[in-house]
Amino acid sequence: MEPKYKRILLKLSGEALAGKNGFGIDPATVDEVCEEIVEVCNMGVEVALVVGGGNIWRGRSGGDMDRATADYMGMLATTMNALALQDGIERRGLPVRVQSAITMQQICEPYIRRKALSHLTKGRVVIFACGTGSPFFSTDTTASLRAAEIGAEIILSAKNVDGVYDSDPKTNPNAVKFDSLSYIDILDKGLKVIDTTAATLCMDNNIPINIFPLVPKGGILKAVCGEKIGTIIS
């Protein structure tokens, strides 16, 4: 298999890292993801990651809590996931740098675009934590922003769903899956698979998104090699 892309932005949902437990960090799932990332890197692909935090905390689940406070808690959750991925990848022999949009100098670097680009060209995996560093923005938006900043050719969005549907397949057995969509389709149809800010940012910067399932193992490799998997938004 030959990679189709030289530099990718891999977006991992926090829920996907919870495995079958549905909450927290499942070590076996993290190990499988890290093995696949290492395999992709060994093919010569430069990999940056953005990871969500929904397996630990979601800002919108804060109830009556102040929204900004709840969102900052969600950013801290993404850091826990980023460190778990860093450990899993480094145990397999690849250097990793976690860059946070919120300064935590004892455990990771601050986000600096030029340093991130330097790490990527040296074969290091870069994990972007804490979203954009501001409340009211999702990690989907973070992925779109960072992909544009580092010049990623595509966003590979690994979720716990196998693509984009016209309605929720969990509640509608007749939901129809899309093989491909345009950014305008996402906005016009009100599809919730990514938020409108992320879709607009990708549209403005002409960055395609491939939404595909993290499980079973092998999806990341297939997406990197350009095989048809999940849904392509372009």
Foldseek 3Di string as FASTA:
>chain_A
DAFPFQEEEEEEEQQQQCPPVSADGDLVSLLLVLVVVLVVLVNNHQYEYEYWQVRYADLVVPVPDDSFVSLQVRLVSSVVVVVSNQVSNVVVPAAEAEAECDDDPVPHHHDDLVVSLVCRVVSYYYYYTSQNVGTPDGNLLSSLVSCLSNVGQAYEYAYQDFAFWLDDCVVDVPTDGAQEEELVCCVVSVGVPDDNNSSVSCVVRVHKYAYGHPPPRDPVVCVRRPHRTYYIYD
